[in-house]
Protein backbone atom coordinates (compact mmCIF):
# COMPACT_ATOMS: atom_id res chain seq x y z
CA MET A 1 49.37 72.56 21.03
CA TYR A 2 52.24 71.54 18.73
CA PHE A 3 52.40 68.31 16.69
CA ASP A 4 55.25 66.98 14.62
CA THR A 5 54.23 65.17 11.47
CA ILE A 6 56.11 61.97 10.80
CA ILE A 7 55.81 60.46 7.36
CA ALA A 8 56.73 56.80 7.18
CA MET A 9 57.97 55.61 3.83
CA ASN A 10 56.98 52.12 2.80
CA SER A 11 60.15 50.20 2.01
CA THR A 12 58.52 47.23 0.32
CA SER A 13 58.39 46.40 -3.35
CA ARG A 14 56.26 44.04 -5.38
CA ILE A 15 57.38 41.08 -7.50
CA THR A 16 54.95 39.92 -10.15
CA ILE A 17 55.29 36.42 -11.56
CA PRO A 18 52.92 35.55 -14.41
CA VAL A 19 51.54 32.00 -14.06
CA ASP A 20 48.45 30.28 -15.40
CA GLU A 21 45.37 30.19 -13.19
CA ASN A 22 45.46 26.40 -12.68
CA PHE A 23 49.05 26.55 -11.38
CA ARG A 24 48.18 29.50 -9.12
CA SER A 25 45.27 27.54 -7.63
CA GLN A 26 47.46 24.49 -7.03
CA LEU A 27 50.14 26.66 -5.45
CA ALA A 28 47.59 28.32 -3.15
CA LEU A 29 46.39 24.89 -2.00
CA LYS A 30 49.96 23.74 -1.40
CA ALA A 31 50.79 26.90 0.58
CA SER A 32 47.68 26.38 2.69
CA SER A 33 48.51 22.72 3.32
CA LEU A 34 51.95 23.79 4.55
CA GLY A 35 50.35 26.21 7.03
CA PHE A 36 50.79 29.48 5.16
CA ASP A 37 47.86 31.87 4.82
CA SER A 38 48.84 32.85 1.27
CA ILE A 39 51.23 32.18 -1.58
CA GLN A 40 52.90 35.49 -0.77
CA ALA A 41 53.55 34.41 2.84
CA MET A 42 55.11 31.18 1.61
CA PHE A 43 57.34 33.04 -0.88
CA ARG A 44 58.38 35.58 1.77
CA TYR A 45 59.35 32.74 4.13
CA VAL A 46 61.29 30.81 1.48
CA GLY A 47 62.91 33.95 0.11
CA ARG A 48 64.05 35.17 3.53
CA ALA A 49 65.45 31.74 4.38
CA LEU A 50 67.40 31.59 1.10
CA VAL A 51 68.77 35.11 1.55
CA ASP A 52 69.80 34.27 5.13
CA GLY A 53 71.59 31.14 3.88
CA ARG A 54 69.22 28.70 5.56
CA ARG A 55 67.97 25.49 3.98
CA VAL A 56 64.22 25.19 3.47
CA ASP A 57 62.77 21.71 3.83
CA PHE A 58 59.07 20.93 3.86
CA GLY A 59 59.71 17.22 4.37
CA GLU A 60 58.40 16.24 0.97
CA VAL A 61 61.63 15.23 -0.71
CA GLU A 62 63.38 12.01 0.27
CA ASP A 63 66.63 12.61 2.06
CA SER A 64 69.98 11.99 0.38
CA TRP A 65 69.99 8.42 1.66
CA GLY A 66 67.03 7.53 -0.55
CA SER A 67 64.43 4.92 0.29
CA PRO A 68 65.48 2.00 2.50
CA PRO A 69 65.84 -1.39 0.79
CA GLN A 70 62.80 -3.66 0.92
CA HIS A 71 64.48 -6.18 3.23
CA VAL A 72 65.10 -3.36 5.76
CA VAL A 73 61.46 -2.23 5.58
CA GLU A 74 60.36 -5.83 6.10
CA ARG A 75 62.65 -6.19 9.13
CA TRP A 76 61.21 -2.99 10.64
CA ARG A 77 57.72 -4.41 10.15
CA GLN A 78 58.76 -7.64 11.85
CA ASN A 79 60.34 -5.70 14.74
CA ALA A 80 57.09 -3.77 15.19
CA VAL A 81 55.08 -7.02 15.29
CA GLU A 82 57.48 -8.52 17.82
CA HIS A 83 57.38 -5.37 19.94
CA GLU A 84 53.56 -5.36 20.05
CA ARG A 85 53.56 -9.07 20.98
CA ASP A 86 56.11 -8.48 23.78
CA LYS A 87 54.14 -5.45 24.96
CA ALA A 88 50.97 -7.53 25.22
CA ARG A 89 52.89 -10.16 27.25
CA GLY A 90 54.20 -7.45 29.60
CA VAL A 91 57.82 -7.98 28.60
CA VAL A 92 58.41 -4.45 27.30
CA LYS A 93 59.76 -2.07 29.94
CA SER A 94 57.87 1.21 30.14
CA PHE A 95 58.72 4.43 31.94
CA THR A 96 56.72 7.34 33.34
CA SER A 97 59.58 9.83 33.12
CA SER A 98 62.81 10.38 31.25
CA ASP A 99 64.72 10.10 34.54
CA ASP A 100 63.31 6.60 35.07
CA ALA A 101 64.36 5.63 31.55
CA LEU A 102 67.87 6.99 32.01
CA GLU A 103 68.20 5.28 35.38
CA TYR A 104 67.24 1.98 33.75
CA LEU A 105 69.69 2.47 30.89
CA ASN A 106 72.50 3.33 33.30
CA SER A 107 71.81 0.14 35.22
CA LEU A 108 72.44 -2.07 32.19
């Protein structure tokens, strides 16, 4: 019997970043809270995205619009209260499918 031997070369390299132990622990917790199984997995994901020209957003930084003004937040709260009141009175229209909702909107 004849066998060919194939040697696979590992094409990875290692990056070492010295950090203090407290920071490393905090970073590991943050990576875990974001759904990564390790700091390395998080760095690989972020690094690949940056190299590919994609934007990485974990939803922790406010968008470029900033926080809404207090009077807007208060109006949203008031709208939510009014909506719940109307819902309890049976005034709010509800739908069981997106087709029903679109049909209603088209009828307006």
